[in-house]
Amino acid sequence: LHVGAEGCRRRAWRVCEPVAAAPVLRRGGVYLISGGAGGIGLELAAWLHREYDAAVVLCGRSRPAGARLERLRSLAPAISFVEADVADSERVRGLIAEVLAQHGRLHGVFHLAGVLADEYAL
């Protein structure tokens, strides 16, 4: 029932079946995660590897340290890290070339790079 300026109207809704979509992520795919040194990037990389047997290249302006470095080492060799600032277009071109040279293909990019004023999100 819809009540508006024109008065009351009855509306009928039809239930539609969802349309089957092709999977977005590929089993055995290769993915690049910018901002990968943060906690969210590392967790996404671990999930992609665990659920899709994916190879993942993380990139960031600086190498992870401490617990994040240990987490990265525990995920190697399926998950690797390359130091690269995505604000530098020439470096990004080089990064893509490195990924293609190492893996032969690239199926997707997750852009998680960002700066928080106070602390890491995760």
N, C-alpha and C. Protein backbone atom coordinates (compact mmCIF):
# COMPACT_ATOMS: atom_id res chain seq x y z
N LEU A 1 0.85 -1.16 0.00
CA LEU A 1 0.00 0.00 0.00
C LEU A 1 0.90 1.23 0.00
N HIS A 2 0.64 2.16 -0.89
CA HIS A 2 1.42 3.40 -0.99
C HIS A 2 0.50 4.57 -0.70
N VAL A 3 0.89 5.36 0.28
CA VAL A 3 0.09 6.54 0.63
C VAL A 3 0.89 7.76 0.22
N GLY A 4 0.33 8.59 -0.63
CA GLY A 4 1.00 9.79 -1.10
C GLY A 4 0.03 10.93 -1.25
N ALA A 5 0.48 11.98 -1.89
CA ALA A 5 -0.35 13.17 -2.09
C ALA A 5 -1.60 12.85 -2.90
N GLU A 6 -1.51 11.86 -3.78
CA GLU A 6 -2.65 11.49 -4.62
C GLU A 6 -3.63 10.58 -3.90
N GLY A 7 -3.33 10.18 -2.70
CA GLY A 7 -4.19 9.26 -1.98
C GLY A 7 -3.51 7.91 -1.81
N CYS A 8 -4.28 6.87 -1.63
CA CYS A 8 -3.75 5.52 -1.41
C CYS A 8 -3.77 4.74 -2.72
N ARG A 9 -2.68 4.02 -2.95
CA ARG A 9 -2.61 3.12 -4.11
C ARG A 9 -2.03 1.80 -3.65
N ARG A 10 -2.49 0.77 -4.26
CA ARG A 10 -1.99 -0.57 -3.96
C ARG A 10 -0.98 -0.94 -5.02
N ARG A 11 0.16 -1.44 -4.59
CA ARG A 11 1.19 -1.88 -5.53
C ARG A 11 1.44 -3.37 -5.36
N ALA A 12 1.63 -4.02 -6.46
CA ALA A 12 1.96 -5.45 -6.44
C ALA A 12 3.41 -5.62 -6.86
N TRP A 13 4.14 -6.43 -6.14
CA TRP A 13 5.54 -6.69 -6.45
C TRP A 13 5.69 -8.13 -6.91
N ARG A 14 6.53 -8.31 -7.87
CA ARG A 14 6.82 -9.63 -8.39
C ARG A 14 8.17 -10.09 -7.86
N VAL A 15 8.26 -11.30 -7.44
CA VAL A 15 9.53 -11.85 -6.97
C VAL A 15 10.25 -12.45 -8.18
N CYS A 16 11.48 -12.01 -8.40
CA CYS A 16 12.27 -12.51 -9.52
C CYS A 16 13.37 -13.42 -9.01
N GLU A 17 13.69 -14.40 -9.78
CA GLU A 17 14.80 -15.29 -9.45
C GLU A 17 16.11 -14.56 -9.73
N PRO A 18 17.10 -14.75 -8.87
CA PRO A 18 18.39 -14.09 -9.14
C PRO A 18 19.04 -14.64 -10.41
N VAL A 19 19.72 -13.79 -11.11
CA VAL A 19 20.42 -14.18 -12.33
C VAL A 19 21.77 -14.74 -11.94
N ALA A 20 22.10 -15.91 -12.46
CA ALA A 20 23.40 -16.51 -12.17
C ALA A 20 24.49 -15.73 -12.90
N ALA A 21 25.47 -15.29 -12.15
CA ALA A 21 26.57 -14.53 -12.73
C ALA A 21 27.83 -15.40 -12.74
N ALA A 22 28.69 -15.12 -13.68
CA ALA A 22 29.96 -15.83 -13.72
C ALA A 22 30.78 -15.43 -12.50
N PRO A 23 31.55 -16.36 -11.96
CA PRO A 23 32.38 -16.02 -10.80
C PRO A 23 33.34 -14.88 -11.14
N VAL A 24 33.52 -13.98 -10.20
CA VAL A 24 34.41 -12.85 -10.41
C VAL A 24 35.86 -13.26 -10.15
N LEU A 25 36.07 -14.10 -9.17
CA LEU A 25 37.42 -14.55 -8.83
C LEU A 25 37.70 -15.90 -9.47
N ARG A 26 38.94 -16.10 -9.88
CA ARG A 26 39.32 -17.34 -10.57
C ARG A 26 40.12 -18.25 -9.65
N ARG A 27 39.80 -19.51 -9.69
CA ARG A 27 40.63 -20.50 -8.99
C ARG A 27 41.98 -20.53 -9.70
N GLY A 28 43.05 -20.40 -8.92
CA GLY A 28 44.40 -20.38 -9.50
C GLY A 28 44.75 -19.05 -10.14
N GLY A 29 43.96 -18.01 -9.86
CA GLY A 29 44.21 -16.71 -10.46
C GLY A 29 45.40 -15.99 -9.84
N VAL A 30 45.74 -14.88 -10.44
CA VAL A 30 46.84 -14.03 -9.96
C VAL A 30 46.25 -12.65 -9.67
N TYR A 31 46.48 -12.17 -8.45
CA TYR A 31 45.89 -10.90 -8.02
C TYR A 31 46.96 -10.00 -7.42
N LEU A 32 46.78 -8.71 -7.62
CA LEU A 32 47.66 -7.68 -7.07
C LEU A 32 46.85 -6.88 -6.05
N ILE A 33 47.43 -6.66 -4.87
CA ILE A 33 46.77 -5.88 -3.84
C ILE A 33 47.66 -4.70 -3.49
N SER A 34 47.20 -3.48 -3.83
CA SER A 34 47.94 -2.28 -3.42
C SER A 34 47.53 -1.96 -1.99
N GLY A 35 48.48 -1.47 -1.21
CA GLY A 35 48.22 -1.26 0.20
C GLY A 35 48.26 -2.58 0.94
N GLY A 36 48.97 -3.52 0.37
CA GLY A 36 48.97 -4.88 0.89
C GLY A 36 49.71 -5.10 2.19
N ALA A 37 50.50 -4.14 2.63
CA ALA A 37 51.26 -4.32 3.87
C ALA A 37 50.38 -4.12 5.10
N GLY A 38 49.19 -3.56 4.92
CA GLY A 38 48.28 -3.37 6.05
C GLY A 38 47.59 -4.67 6.42
N GLY A 39 46.92 -4.66 7.53
CA GLY A 39 46.25 -5.87 8.02
C GLY A 39 45.16 -6.37 7.09
N ILE A 40 44.38 -5.46 6.50
CA ILE A 40 43.30 -5.88 5.60
C ILE A 40 43.89 -6.54 4.36
N GLY A 41 44.96 -5.97 3.81
CA GLY A 41 45.60 -6.55 2.63
C GLY A 41 46.14 -7.94 2.88
N LEU A 42 46.78 -8.13 4.02
CA LEU A 42 47.32 -9.45 4.35
C LEU A 42 46.21 -10.48 4.54
N GLU A 43 45.13 -10.07 5.20
CA GLU A 43 44.02 -11.00 5.40
C GLU A 43 43.33 -11.35 4.09
N LEU A 44 43.16 -10.36 3.21
CA LEU A 44 42.56 -10.62 1.90
C LEU A 44 43.46 -11.57 1.10
N ALA A 45 44.76 -11.33 1.14
CA ALA A 45 45.69 -12.20 0.42
C ALA A 45 45.61 -13.63 0.94
N ALA A 46 45.58 -13.80 2.25
CA ALA A 46 45.48 -15.15 2.83
C ALA A 46 44.18 -15.82 2.40
N TRP A 47 43.09 -15.06 2.39
CA TRP A 47 41.79 -15.61 2.00
C TRP A 47 41.79 -16.01 0.52
N LEU A 48 42.33 -15.15 -0.35
CA LEU A 48 42.39 -15.48 -1.78
C LEU A 48 43.20 -16.75 -2.01
N HIS A 49 44.29 -16.88 -1.29
CA HIS A 49 45.12 -18.09 -1.45
C HIS A 49 44.39 -19.32 -0.92
N ARG A 50 43.79 -19.19 0.26
CA ARG A 50 43.11 -20.34 0.89
C ARG A 50 41.88 -20.77 0.10
N GLU A 51 41.04 -19.81 -0.31
CA GLU A 51 39.77 -20.14 -0.95
C GLU A 51 39.87 -20.36 -2.46
N TYR A 52 40.84 -19.72 -3.11
CA TYR A 52 40.92 -19.78 -4.57
C TYR A 52 42.27 -20.29 -5.08
N ASP A 53 43.13 -20.72 -4.16
CA ASP A 53 44.47 -21.18 -4.54
C ASP A 53 45.15 -20.13 -5.43
N ALA A 54 44.97 -18.87 -5.08
CA ALA A 54 45.48 -17.77 -5.89
C ALA A 54 46.92 -17.42 -5.51
N ALA A 55 47.64 -16.92 -6.50
CA ALA A 55 48.93 -16.29 -6.25
C ALA A 55 48.64 -14.81 -6.05
N VAL A 56 49.24 -14.21 -5.04
CA VAL A 56 48.94 -12.82 -4.72
C VAL A 56 50.23 -12.04 -4.58
N VAL A 57 50.28 -10.88 -5.23
CA VAL A 57 51.39 -9.96 -5.08
C VAL A 57 50.86 -8.75 -4.33
N LEU A 58 51.45 -8.50 -3.18
CA LEU A 58 51.10 -7.33 -2.39
C LEU A 58 52.08 -6.23 -2.72
N CYS A 59 51.62 -4.98 -2.72
CA CYS A 59 52.55 -3.88 -2.89
C CYS A 59 52.21 -2.76 -1.93
N GLY A 60 53.22 -2.00 -1.57
CA GLY A 60 53.04 -0.87 -0.67
C GLY A 60 54.26 0.01 -0.70
N ARG A 61 54.14 1.18 -0.08
CA ARG A 61 55.27 2.12 -0.07
C ARG A 61 56.42 1.65 0.79
N SER A 62 56.12 0.84 1.79
CA SER A 62 57.19 0.32 2.64
C SER A 62 56.91 -1.12 3.01
N ARG A 63 57.98 -1.84 3.24
CA ARG A 63 57.86 -3.26 3.58
C ARG A 63 57.19 -3.43 4.94
N PRO A 64 56.42 -4.50 5.09
CA PRO A 64 55.81 -4.75 6.40
C PRO A 64 56.89 -5.09 7.43
N ALA A 65 56.60 -4.83 8.68
CA ALA A 65 57.54 -5.13 9.76
C ALA A 65 56.81 -5.84 10.88
N GLY A 66 57.57 -6.39 11.79
CA GLY A 66 57.00 -7.02 12.99
C GLY A 66 56.07 -8.17 12.67
N ALA A 67 54.89 -8.14 13.30
CA ALA A 67 53.91 -9.23 13.14
C ALA A 67 53.43 -9.35 11.71
N ARG A 68 53.31 -8.22 11.01
CA ARG A 68 52.86 -8.27 9.61
C ARG A 68 53.90 -8.95 8.73
N LEU A 69 55.17 -8.69 9.00
CA LEU A 69 56.24 -9.36 8.24
C LEU A 69 56.22 -10.85 8.50
N GLU A 70 56.02 -11.24 9.74
CA GLU A 70 55.95 -12.68 10.07
C GLU A 70 54.75 -13.33 9.39
N ARG A 71 53.62 -12.63 9.36
CA ARG A 71 52.42 -13.15 8.67
C ARG A 71 52.70 -13.33 7.19
N LEU A 72 53.37 -12.35 6.58
CA LEU A 72 53.72 -12.44 5.16
C LEU A 72 54.64 -13.63 4.92
N ARG A 73 55.63 -13.80 5.75
CA ARG A 73 56.57 -14.93 5.60
C ARG A 73 55.85 -16.26 5.73
N SER A 74 54.83 -16.34 6.58
CA SER A 74 54.10 -17.60 6.75
C SER A 74 53.27 -17.94 5.51
N LEU A 75 52.97 -16.95 4.69
CA LEU A 75 52.15 -17.16 3.49
C LEU A 75 52.99 -17.37 2.23
N ALA A 76 54.29 -17.14 2.31
CA ALA A 76 55.17 -17.30 1.15
C ALA A 76 55.24 -18.78 0.78
N PRO A 77 55.49 -19.13 -0.46
CA PRO A 77 55.81 -18.31 -1.61
C PRO A 77 54.58 -17.89 -2.43
N ALA A 78 53.39 -18.36 -2.04
CA ALA A 78 52.19 -18.03 -2.83
C ALA A 78 51.86 -16.54 -2.77
N ILE A 79 52.30 -15.89 -1.71
CA ILE A 79 52.03 -14.47 -1.54
C ILE A 79 53.36 -13.76 -1.37
N SER A 80 53.57 -12.74 -2.21
CA SER A 80 54.84 -12.02 -2.17
C SER A 80 54.58 -10.52 -2.01
N PHE A 81 55.65 -9.78 -1.69
CA PHE A 81 55.53 -8.34 -1.50
C PHE A 81 56.53 -7.62 -2.39
N VAL A 82 56.07 -6.53 -3.02
CA VAL A 82 56.93 -5.67 -3.84
C VAL A 82 56.75 -4.25 -3.34
N GLU A 83 57.88 -3.58 -3.09
CA GLU A 83 57.80 -2.20 -2.65
C GLU A 83 57.50 -1.31 -3.85
N ALA A 84 56.37 -0.60 -3.78
CA ALA A 84 55.95 0.27 -4.88
C ALA A 84 54.91 1.25 -4.38
N ASP A 85 55.05 2.51 -4.78
CA ASP A 85 54.09 3.54 -4.45
C ASP A 85 53.14 3.69 -5.63
N VAL A 86 51.85 3.40 -5.42
CA VAL A 86 50.89 3.44 -6.53
C VAL A 86 50.60 4.86 -7.01
N ALA A 87 51.11 5.87 -6.30
CA ALA A 87 50.97 7.25 -6.77
C ALA A 87 51.98 7.57 -7.87
N ASP A 88 52.95 6.68 -8.08
CA ASP A 88 54.00 6.85 -9.09
C ASP A 88 53.64 5.99 -10.30
N SER A 89 53.11 6.61 -11.35
CA SER A 89 52.61 5.86 -12.51
C SER A 89 53.69 5.03 -13.20
N GLU A 90 54.90 5.54 -13.27
CA GLU A 90 56.00 4.77 -13.89
C GLU A 90 56.29 3.51 -13.08
N ARG A 91 56.28 3.65 -11.75
CA ARG A 91 56.54 2.49 -10.89
C ARG A 91 55.41 1.47 -11.02
N VAL A 92 54.19 1.94 -11.19
CA VAL A 92 53.06 1.02 -11.36
C VAL A 92 53.20 0.24 -12.67
N ARG A 93 53.62 0.92 -13.73
CA ARG A 93 53.86 0.21 -15.00
C ARG A 93 54.92 -0.87 -14.81
N GLY A 94 55.98 -0.53 -14.09
CA GLY A 94 57.03 -1.51 -13.80
C GLY A 94 56.52 -2.66 -12.95
N LEU A 95 55.69 -2.35 -11.98
CA LEU A 95 55.12 -3.37 -11.11
C LEU A 95 54.28 -4.36 -11.91
N ILE A 96 53.42 -3.84 -12.79
CA ILE A 96 52.59 -4.72 -13.63
C ILE A 96 53.49 -5.60 -14.50
N ALA A 97 54.54 -5.02 -15.06
CA ALA A 97 55.48 -5.79 -15.88
C ALA A 97 56.13 -6.90 -15.05
N GLU A 98 56.48 -6.60 -13.79
CA GLU A 98 57.09 -7.61 -12.91
C GLU A 98 56.11 -8.75 -12.63
N VAL A 99 54.86 -8.41 -12.35
CA VAL A 99 53.85 -9.43 -12.08
C VAL A 99 53.65 -10.31 -13.31
N LEU A 100 53.55 -9.70 -14.47
CA LEU A 100 53.36 -10.47 -15.71
C LEU A 100 54.58 -11.34 -16.01
N ALA A 101 55.77 -10.81 -15.76
CA ALA A 101 56.99 -11.60 -16.00
C ALA A 101 57.06 -12.80 -15.06
N GLN A 102 56.67 -12.60 -13.81
CA GLN A 102 56.75 -13.67 -12.82
C GLN A 102 55.63 -14.69 -12.96
N HIS A 103 54.40 -14.23 -13.24
CA HIS A 103 53.24 -15.12 -13.24
C HIS A 103 52.62 -15.36 -14.61
N GLY A 104 52.96 -14.53 -15.60
CA GLY A 104 52.43 -14.72 -16.94
C GLY A 104 51.03 -14.16 -17.16
N ARG A 105 50.38 -13.71 -16.11
CA ARG A 105 49.03 -13.19 -16.23
C ARG A 105 48.68 -12.40 -14.96
N LEU A 106 47.61 -11.62 -15.05
CA LEU A 106 47.10 -10.87 -13.90
C LEU A 106 45.59 -10.81 -14.06
N HIS A 107 44.86 -11.35 -13.11
CA HIS A 107 43.40 -11.44 -13.21
C HIS A 107 42.64 -10.34 -12.49
N GLY A 108 43.29 -9.65 -11.59
CA GLY A 108 42.56 -8.61 -10.88
C GLY A 108 43.46 -7.80 -9.97
N VAL A 109 42.97 -6.61 -9.63
CA VAL A 109 43.69 -5.69 -8.75
C VAL A 109 42.73 -5.22 -7.66
N PHE A 110 43.18 -5.29 -6.42
CA PHE A 110 42.44 -4.76 -5.29
C PHE A 110 43.20 -3.53 -4.81
N HIS A 111 42.55 -2.39 -4.80
CA HIS A 111 43.21 -1.15 -4.37
C HIS A 111 42.81 -0.86 -2.93
N LEU A 112 43.71 -1.15 -1.99
CA LEU A 112 43.45 -0.93 -0.57
C LEU A 112 44.35 0.14 0.01
N ALA A 113 45.15 0.76 -0.85
CA ALA A 113 46.10 1.77 -0.36
C ALA A 113 45.35 2.99 0.15
N GLY A 114 45.80 3.48 1.26
CA GLY A 114 45.21 4.68 1.85
C GLY A 114 45.97 5.03 3.11
N VAL A 115 45.79 6.22 3.57
CA VAL A 115 46.49 6.67 4.77
C VAL A 115 45.45 7.10 5.78
N LEU A 116 45.54 6.54 6.97
CA LEU A 116 44.70 6.96 8.08
C LEU A 116 45.52 7.89 8.96
N ALA A 117 44.91 8.92 9.43
CA ALA A 117 45.64 9.92 10.23
C ALA A 117 46.12 9.34 11.57
N ASP A 118 45.32 8.44 12.17
CA ASP A 118 45.69 7.99 13.49
C ASP A 118 46.42 6.65 13.54
N GLU A 119 45.95 5.64 12.84
CA GLU A 119 46.53 4.31 12.98
C GLU A 119 45.99 3.41 11.88
N TYR A 120 46.54 2.20 11.77
CA TYR A 120 46.06 1.20 10.82
C TYR A 120 44.62 0.82 11.15
N ALA A 121 43.85 0.47 10.13
CA ALA A 121 42.47 0.05 10.33
C ALA A 121 42.41 -1.33 10.98
N LEU A 122 43.40 -2.16 10.70
CA LEU A 122 43.40 -3.52 11.24
C LEU A 122 44.79 -3.92 11.57
